Protein backbone atom coordinates (compact mmCIF):
# COMPACT_ATOMS: atom_id res chain seq x y z
CA MET A 1 12.20 -106.85 44.64
CA SER A 2 12.26 -104.67 41.81
CA LEU A 3 10.82 -101.14 40.91
CA SER A 4 9.25 -100.61 37.51
CA VAL A 5 7.69 -97.60 36.12
CA ASN A 6 4.97 -95.91 34.09
CA ILE A 7 5.37 -92.01 34.19
CA PRO A 8 3.66 -89.80 32.37
CA ILE A 9 5.49 -86.95 30.31
CA SER A 10 4.67 -84.75 33.66
CA LEU A 11 5.94 -83.96 36.43
CA GLN A 12 7.67 -76.25 41.35
CA ASP A 13 11.31 -70.76 42.35
CA VAL A 14 14.51 -70.74 42.90
CA GLY A 15 18.02 -71.48 41.71
CA SER A 16 20.90 -68.58 42.23
CA ARG A 17 24.49 -68.61 42.96
CA ALA A 18 25.68 -68.46 46.69
CA ARG A 19 29.26 -67.23 47.68
CA ASP A 20 31.72 -69.05 50.29
CA ARG A 21 31.52 -66.07 52.98
CA PRO A 22 29.77 -65.47 56.34
CA ILE A 23 26.46 -64.35 56.41
CA GLN A 24 27.40 -61.66 58.55
CA ALA A 25 29.03 -59.51 56.21
CA SER A 26 25.92 -58.04 54.81
CA LYS A 27 21.86 -58.63 55.47
CA HIS A 28 21.62 -59.11 51.57
CA ALA A 29 24.80 -61.73 51.64
CA PRO A 30 23.42 -65.05 50.01
CA LEU A 31 22.67 -67.95 52.48
CA TYR A 32 24.60 -70.60 52.13
CA SER A 33 22.39 -73.22 53.89
CA ILE A 34 19.06 -72.13 51.95
CA GLN A 35 21.21 -73.35 48.59
CA ILE A 36 22.01 -76.34 50.99
CA LEU A 37 18.11 -76.56 51.47
CA ARG A 38 17.29 -76.18 47.87
CA CYS A 39 19.19 -78.94 46.97
CA LEU A 40 17.43 -81.20 49.82
CA VAL A 41 14.02 -80.32 48.88
CA ALA A 42 14.77 -80.85 45.33
CA SER A 43 15.63 -84.26 46.12
CA PHE A 44 12.65 -84.83 48.49
CA VAL A 45 10.38 -83.88 45.28
CA ILE A 46 12.59 -86.39 42.90
CA MET A 47 12.11 -89.03 45.71
CA ASP A 48 8.23 -88.36 46.10
CA HIS A 49 7.90 -89.49 42.15
CA ILE A 50 10.18 -91.98 42.30
CA LEU A 51 8.86 -93.95 44.67
CA LEU A 52 5.13 -92.87 43.45
CA TYR A 53 5.61 -94.29 40.10
CA SER A 54 7.43 -97.17 41.19
CA ALA A 55 5.55 -100.39 41.26
CA THR A 56 7.04 -101.74 44.69
CA GLU A 57 3.77 -100.71 47.19
CA GLU A 58 6.31 -101.53 50.31
CA ILE A 59 9.75 -102.20 51.81
CA TYR A 60 9.70 -103.85 55.04
CA GLY A 61 6.29 -103.17 55.71
CA VAL A 62 6.90 -99.59 55.31
CA ASN A 63 4.06 -97.60 52.57
CA LEU A 64 6.21 -95.91 49.96
CA LYS A 65 2.88 -94.34 48.91
CA SER A 66 2.25 -92.73 52.25
CA ILE A 67 6.42 -91.84 52.54
CA ALA A 68 6.49 -90.44 48.73
CA TRP A 69 3.43 -87.93 49.26
CA MET A 70 4.86 -86.87 52.57
CA PHE A 71 8.46 -86.25 50.87
CA GLY A 72 6.78 -84.21 47.96
CA ASP A 73 4.67 -82.09 50.09
CA LEU A 74 7.49 -81.07 52.43
CA GLY A 75 9.85 -80.55 49.04
CA VAL A 76 7.17 -78.00 47.62
CA GLU A 77 6.05 -76.27 50.70
CA THR A 78 9.84 -75.53 51.81
CA PHE A 79 10.62 -74.38 48.02
CA PHE A 80 7.63 -71.94 48.76
CA ALA A 81 8.93 -70.91 52.27
CA ILE A 82 12.15 -70.19 50.69
CA SER A 83 11.07 -68.00 47.81
CA GLY A 84 9.31 -66.15 50.63
CA CYS A 85 11.83 -66.29 52.70
CA LEU A 86 14.66 -64.79 49.91
CA MET A 87 11.84 -61.91 48.62
CA MET A 88 11.79 -60.59 52.09
CA VAL A 89 15.52 -60.49 52.63
CA THR A 90 16.48 -59.21 48.87
CA SER A 91 13.55 -56.96 49.54
CA GLN A 92 13.60 -55.15 52.94
CA ASP A 93 15.15 -51.99 51.39
CA ALA A 94 12.51 -51.79 48.45
CA PHE A 95 9.43 -50.92 50.56
CA GLY A 96 7.85 -47.93 50.03
CA ARG A 97 10.74 -46.90 46.75
CA ARG A 98 8.99 -45.69 43.75
CA GLY A 99 9.47 -48.31 40.81
CA ALA A 100 10.21 -51.03 43.68
CA PRO A 101 7.03 -53.51 42.29
CA ALA A 102 8.25 -52.65 38.55
CA THR A 103 11.52 -53.56 39.28
CA PHE A 104 10.69 -56.73 41.31
CA ILE A 105 7.94 -58.32 39.04
CA ARG A 106 10.75 -57.60 35.79
CA LYS A 107 13.73 -59.52 37.86
CA ARG A 108 11.20 -62.76 38.98
CA PHE A 109 10.13 -62.58 35.53
CA GLN A 110 13.17 -62.83 33.73
CA ARG A 111 14.03 -65.54 36.70
CA LEU A 112 11.33 -67.82 36.16
CA ILE A 113 10.15 -67.55 32.55
CA PRO A 114 12.66 -68.38 30.02
CA LEU A 115 13.45 -72.21 31.21
CA TYR A 116 10.04 -72.46 32.03
CA TRP A 117 8.48 -71.52 28.63
CA PHE A 118 11.37 -73.45 26.78
CA ILE A 119 10.53 -76.69 28.83
CA THR A 120 6.87 -76.23 28.12
CA ALA A 121 7.39 -75.65 24.50
CA LEU A 122 9.74 -78.59 24.20
CA LEU A 123 6.95 -80.81 25.90
CA LEU A 124 4.12 -79.34 23.35
CA PHE A 125 6.41 -80.47 20.42
CA ALA A 126 7.01 -83.81 21.79
CA ILE A 127 3.01 -83.90 22.57
CA VAL A 128 2.21 -83.19 19.06
CA ARG A 129 4.02 -85.83 17.41
CA LYS A 130 1.99 -88.64 19.02
CA HIS A 131 -1.10 -87.10 20.68
CA PRO A 132 -3.41 -84.06 20.13
CA LEU A 133 -2.46 -81.14 21.59
CA PRO A 134 -4.22 -79.82 24.60
CA PRO A 135 -7.42 -77.06 24.22
CA MET A 136 -5.79 -74.04 23.15
CA ASN A 137 -7.14 -72.27 26.37
CA GLU A 138 -5.12 -74.55 28.37
CA ILE A 139 -1.95 -73.96 26.53
CA LEU A 140 -2.33 -69.94 26.79
CA ALA A 141 -3.05 -70.20 30.51
CA SER A 142 -0.02 -72.63 30.72
CA PHE A 143 2.00 -69.69 29.35
CA LEU A 144 0.40 -66.91 31.10
CA PHE A 145 0.70 -68.66 34.64
CA LEU A 146 -3.17 -69.01 34.90
CA PRO A 147 -4.39 -71.53 37.26
CA VAL A 148 -7.48 -73.05 35.14
CA THR A 149 -9.20 -76.50 35.47
CA ASN A 150 -8.11 -79.01 32.71
CA ALA A 151 -9.69 -81.28 30.68
CA LEU A 152 -9.12 -83.86 33.58
CA GLY A 153 -10.75 -81.68 36.27
CA GLU A 154 -7.31 -80.52 37.93
CA VAL A 155 -5.74 -77.08 38.01
CA ARG A 156 -2.68 -78.05 36.29
CA PRO A 157 -0.75 -76.00 33.13
CA VAL A 158 0.46 -78.17 30.12
CA LEU A 159 3.91 -79.17 31.82
CA PRO A 160 2.24 -80.63 35.43
CA GLN A 161 4.49 -79.26 37.65
CA GLY A 162 3.95 -76.15 36.53
CA TRP A 163 1.42 -75.96 39.30
CA THR A 164 3.64 -74.74 41.74
CA LEU A 165 5.08 -72.00 39.27
CA ASN A 166 1.46 -70.67 39.45
CA TYR A 167 1.51 -70.36 42.83
CA GLU A 168 4.59 -68.33 42.72
CA MET A 169 3.24 -66.02 40.05
CA LEU A 170 0.23 -65.14 42.93
CA PHE A 171 3.16 -64.66 45.31
CA TYR A 172 5.05 -62.65 43.15
CA LEU A 173 2.13 -60.09 42.41
CA ILE A 174 1.10 -59.94 46.22
CA PHE A 175 4.32 -59.50 47.24
CA ALA A 176 4.92 -56.65 44.71
CA PHE A 177 1.55 -54.96 46.03
CA SER A 178 3.39 -54.75 49.44
CA LEU A 179 6.22 -53.22 48.10
CA LEU A 180 3.91 -49.93 47.24
CA PHE A 181 3.90 -49.37 50.79
CA ALA A 182 6.42 -48.63 53.79
CA LYS A 183 8.12 -51.70 55.37
CA ARG A 184 6.14 -51.92 58.63
CA THR A 185 2.75 -51.04 56.43
CA GLY A 186 3.89 -53.15 53.18
CA VAL A 187 4.04 -56.32 56.11
CA ILE A 188 0.80 -56.06 57.57
CA VAL A 189 -0.49 -55.84 53.88
CA LEU A 190 1.24 -58.86 52.90
CA CYS A 191 0.11 -60.56 56.11
CA ALA A 192 -3.66 -59.01 55.57
CA VAL A 193 -3.93 -60.28 51.66
CA PHE A 194 -2.55 -63.63 52.62
CA LEU A 195 -4.79 -63.98 55.88
CA ALA A 196 -8.00 -63.05 53.81
CA LEU A 197 -7.17 -65.30 51.07
CA PHE A 198 -7.10 -68.16 53.47
CA GLY A 199 -10.40 -66.81 54.69
CA ILE A 200 -12.05 -67.08 51.84
CA GLY A 201 -10.84 -70.71 51.26
CA LEU A 202 -12.31 -71.87 54.54
CA SER A 203 -15.42 -70.42 53.26
CA GLN A 204 -15.42 -72.74 49.66
CA LYS A 205 -13.68 -75.43 51.61
CA SER A 206 -13.46 -77.15 54.76
CA LEU A 207 -9.94 -77.68 56.36
CA LEU A 208 -10.89 -81.24 56.96
CA ASP A 209 -11.59 -81.44 53.19
CA THR A 210 -7.73 -82.41 52.18
CA ARG A 211 -8.62 -82.93 48.34
CA SER A 212 -6.84 -80.98 45.60
CA ALA A 213 -8.37 -78.26 44.19
CA SER A 214 -10.69 -78.54 41.45
CA THR A 215 -11.42 -74.73 40.59
CA THR A 216 -9.50 -71.89 40.48
CA LEU A 217 -10.52 -69.96 43.36
CA GLU A 218 -9.88 -73.04 45.40
CA PHE A 219 -6.39 -73.29 44.03
CA CYS A 220 -5.74 -69.43 45.13
CA THR A 221 -7.07 -69.86 48.51
CA ASP A 222 -5.16 -73.32 49.70
CA PRO A 223 -3.78 -73.53 53.12
CA ILE A 224 -0.27 -74.15 51.06
CA ILE A 225 -0.02 -70.45 50.46
CA LEU A 226 0.28 -69.68 54.24
CA THR A 227 4.24 -71.75 53.68
CA PHE A 228 5.22 -68.51 51.61
CA LEU A 229 3.75 -66.10 53.94
CA GLY A 230 5.73 -68.17 56.89
CA GLY A 231 8.78 -68.00 55.16
CA ALA A 232 8.49 -64.14 54.56
CA LEU A 233 8.21 -63.32 57.72
CA ALA A 234 10.81 -65.83 58.56
CA GLY A 235 12.79 -63.99 56.56
CA LEU A 236 12.09 -60.61 58.37
CA LEU A 237 13.63 -62.11 61.61
CA ARG A 238 17.10 -62.26 59.61
CA PRO A 239 18.42 -58.91 60.59
CA MET A 240 17.33 -59.38 64.02
CA LEU A 241 19.14 -63.10 64.35
CA ALA A 242 22.29 -61.83 62.79
CA ALA A 243 22.83 -58.99 65.23
CA ARG A 244 22.05 -61.22 68.52
CA LEU A 245 23.19 -64.04 67.87
CA PRO A 246 26.84 -65.50 67.69
CA ALA A 247 28.20 -66.43 64.44
CA THR A 248 26.77 -70.37 65.54
CA SER A 249 23.81 -71.06 67.75
CA PRO A 250 24.03 -75.01 68.37
CA ALA A 251 21.64 -74.82 70.60
CA LEU A 252 19.05 -72.92 69.06
CA GLY A 253 19.62 -74.90 66.06
CA LEU A 254 19.27 -78.33 67.74
CA ALA A 255 15.87 -77.11 69.44
CA LEU A 256 14.52 -76.13 65.64
CA LEU A 257 15.98 -79.04 64.10
CA ALA A 258 14.16 -81.26 67.06
CA ALA A 259 10.79 -79.26 66.16
CA PHE A 260 11.27 -80.02 62.73
CA LEU A 261 11.63 -83.76 63.19
CA LEU A 262 8.85 -84.01 65.21
CA CYS A 263 6.82 -82.31 62.62
CA PHE A 264 8.09 -84.15 59.73
CA VAL A 265 8.27 -87.48 61.59
CA GLY A 266 4.93 -87.28 63.37
CA GLY A 267 3.46 -86.35 60.08
CA LEU A 268 4.64 -89.43 58.26
CA ALA A 269 3.91 -91.42 60.95
CA ILE A 270 -0.13 -90.55 61.10
CA LEU A 271 -0.42 -90.14 57.26
CA THR A 272 -0.82 -94.20 56.80
CA ASP A 273 -4.68 -93.57 58.81
CA ASP A 274 -7.63 -92.79 56.90
CA SER A 275 -9.27 -90.88 59.54
CA VAL A 276 -9.51 -87.49 57.93
CA PRO A 277 -8.89 -85.14 60.95
CA ARG A 278 -5.43 -87.15 61.05
CA SER A 279 -4.73 -86.53 57.42
CA VAL A 280 -5.16 -82.90 58.07
CA PHE A 281 -2.77 -83.13 60.89
CA ALA A 282 -0.39 -84.44 58.75
CA LYS A 283 -0.49 -81.62 56.10
CA TRP A 284 -0.47 -78.91 59.04
CA SER A 285 2.46 -80.82 60.35
CA VAL A 286 4.37 -80.49 56.92
CA HIS A 287 3.22 -76.39 56.66
CA VAL A 288 5.02 -75.95 60.36
CA ALA A 289 7.85 -78.24 59.17
CA ALA A 290 8.73 -76.27 56.19
CA VAL A 291 8.89 -72.81 57.84
CA LEU A 292 10.85 -74.43 60.58
CA ALA A 293 13.07 -75.41 58.22
CA ILE A 294 13.97 -71.97 57.25
CA LEU A 295 14.32 -70.82 60.66
CA ILE A 296 17.05 -73.67 61.03
CA CYS A 297 18.61 -71.93 57.57
CA LEU A 298 18.75 -68.52 59.32
CA ILE A 299 20.58 -68.85 62.33
CA PRO A 300 23.65 -67.16 61.69
CA HIS A 301 26.54 -69.64 59.92
CA ARG A 302 29.89 -69.41 57.96
CA ALA A 303 29.49 -71.34 54.88
CA PRO A 304 32.62 -74.33 54.73
CA GLU A 305 34.87 -74.01 52.23
CA THR A 306 35.01 -77.92 50.84
CA PRO A 307 34.52 -79.18 47.66
CA VAL A 308 31.23 -81.12 49.21
CA ALA A 309 30.25 -77.58 49.86
CA ARG A 310 30.52 -76.38 46.79
CA ALA A 311 28.86 -79.30 45.00
CA LEU A 312 25.96 -78.54 47.31
CA ASN A 313 25.93 -75.19 46.51
CA LEU A 314 26.16 -75.95 42.63
CA LEU A 315 22.94 -78.35 43.26
CA GLY A 316 21.15 -75.89 45.03
CA ASP A 317 21.76 -73.22 41.97
CA ALA A 318 20.17 -75.94 39.75
CA SER A 319 17.51 -76.94 42.00
CA PHE A 320 14.82 -74.90 39.60
CA SER A 321 16.27 -76.77 36.69
CA THR A 322 16.13 -80.24 38.50
CA TYR A 323 12.45 -79.30 39.67
CA LEU A 324 11.52 -78.69 36.06
CA VAL A 325 12.83 -81.51 34.34
CA HIS A 326 13.13 -84.18 37.02
CA THR A 327 10.33 -86.18 35.86
CA PHE A 328 11.61 -86.58 32.54
CA ALA A 329 15.19 -87.38 34.25
CA ILE A 330 13.24 -90.08 36.29
CA ARG A 331 11.63 -91.63 33.08
CA TRP A 332 14.92 -92.24 31.71
CA GLY A 333 16.23 -93.15 34.52
CA PHE A 334 13.96 -95.94 34.98
CA MET A 335 14.99 -97.25 31.26
CA LEU A 336 18.50 -97.14 32.61
CA VAL A 337 18.38 -99.01 35.64
CA GLY A 338 16.56 -101.74 33.93
CA ALA A 339 19.09 -101.87 31.33
CA LEU A 340 21.69 -102.74 33.91
CA SER A 341 19.55 -104.98 36.05
CA ILE A 342 19.78 -103.68 39.05
CA ASP A 343 17.60 -105.81 41.18
CA GLN A 344 17.92 -104.28 44.68
CA ALA A 345 15.43 -101.61 45.28
CA PHE A 346 17.33 -99.46 47.48
CA ALA A 347 20.40 -99.21 45.18
CA ARG A 348 17.81 -98.54 42.32
CA ILE A 349 16.38 -95.87 44.19
CA LEU A 350 19.76 -94.48 44.87
CA LEU A 351 20.69 -94.43 41.64
CA LEU A 352 17.47 -92.86 40.21
CA LEU A 353 18.14 -90.00 42.78
CA VAL A 354 21.52 -89.22 42.01
CA PHE A 355 20.70 -89.48 37.88
CA ALA A 356 17.69 -86.74 38.39
CA ASN A 357 19.74 -84.17 39.95
CA LEU A 358 23.05 -84.91 37.31
CA PHE A 359 20.21 -84.66 34.85
CA GLY A 360 18.83 -81.36 36.25
CA LEU A 361 22.73 -79.44 37.03
CA ALA A 362 23.19 -80.58 33.39
CA VAL A 363 20.19 -78.90 32.23
CA HIS A 364 20.83 -75.91 34.91
CA VAL A 365 24.72 -75.39 33.00
CA VAL A 366 23.67 -76.23 29.32
CA LEU A 367 20.39 -74.25 29.18
CA GLU A 368 19.20 -72.48 32.04
CA ARG A 369 22.11 -70.01 32.39
CA PRO A 370 22.38 -69.29 29.07
CA LEU A 371 18.60 -68.41 28.80
CA LEU A 372 19.36 -66.37 31.92
CA ARG A 373 22.42 -64.21 30.06
CA ALA A 374 20.25 -64.04 27.06
CA PHE A 375 17.68 -61.99 29.14
CA ARG A 376 20.65 -60.24 30.93
CA PHE A 377 19.73 -61.71 34.21
CA ARG A 378 22.03 -61.02 36.92
CA PRO A 379 22.94 -63.49 39.61
CA PHE A 380 20.66 -63.48 42.46
CA ALA A 381 23.28 -62.66 45.06
CA ARG A 382 23.22 -59.42 43.63
CA ARG A 383 19.80 -58.52 43.51
CA ALA A 384 18.10 -55.72 45.50
């Protein structure tokens, strides 16, 4: 059984340093489990594209395309939930403070823009060598994080995986607006805005319509935005969990893990069904699973001090870089496994997964870190 690929140059907020110390030390202390989750969901997105662009349709009767979409959806939506959680955890004391929204936006821009603009510029340079450039309005919209419809009728920027960053920018603006108010009012405003957008979306597109957004309004009101809100509300619970739960809460953790697996496996099992209501259920099971993953990470815990833990933490740091460049890594990885004449499908998939993660780590160390230093960005763990 072989895997081959024909990937277009293509391809979701993330990547910071966590420290190996108990989270109870401070309500702003970095979450080691979130770092592990970043590493895991980045690998989910990589797995999505490995399977999606492979020539093999099935392995032992399992439809790889359905598995691919389930991995990809869960990876992206968990990234959104992580983003909402960390914004809330690190900004709980900023609500109502003078200048808080501007400071929040500045820090997020410093974190998001340098690497994304750099990779987008490199992609445009590669395109212009062999193909015509995209329309100028699409290029400008890509750099400004504006969700516009391209020539193919899709709401995607020049760097296709950047569609998730368009959502991130929307999340940033809404969250910054909520910081204008005192905490309780700000949280209510945050919920109201997201629920209003969701309601507008329902007036534009039925929940039974699972097609990708084709207009800017459909894009900004897609139910996927609720995973960010769910993550933010989960982050709001963190001080309470840290105060009321022991250092480890295995019973609660196992219960949440069971619920997560039920949502994920249940959604995966029915995703192959062609009936629209069941595909809708599968998508909503992913929404719920993403938020449950955050709740599992918020259970008080101590970060293990082992080489494996440090390695996973580093890969979590690199998850933003990995996300932006993983399709390029997969493209070159398929060339590598072809040159090595590896015929076993699982071995090829594993090698591609490892290669893409290591490539993302290299980009993080060689490119992302220097860019962040150039923009005078402070590590995430020290953000207010």
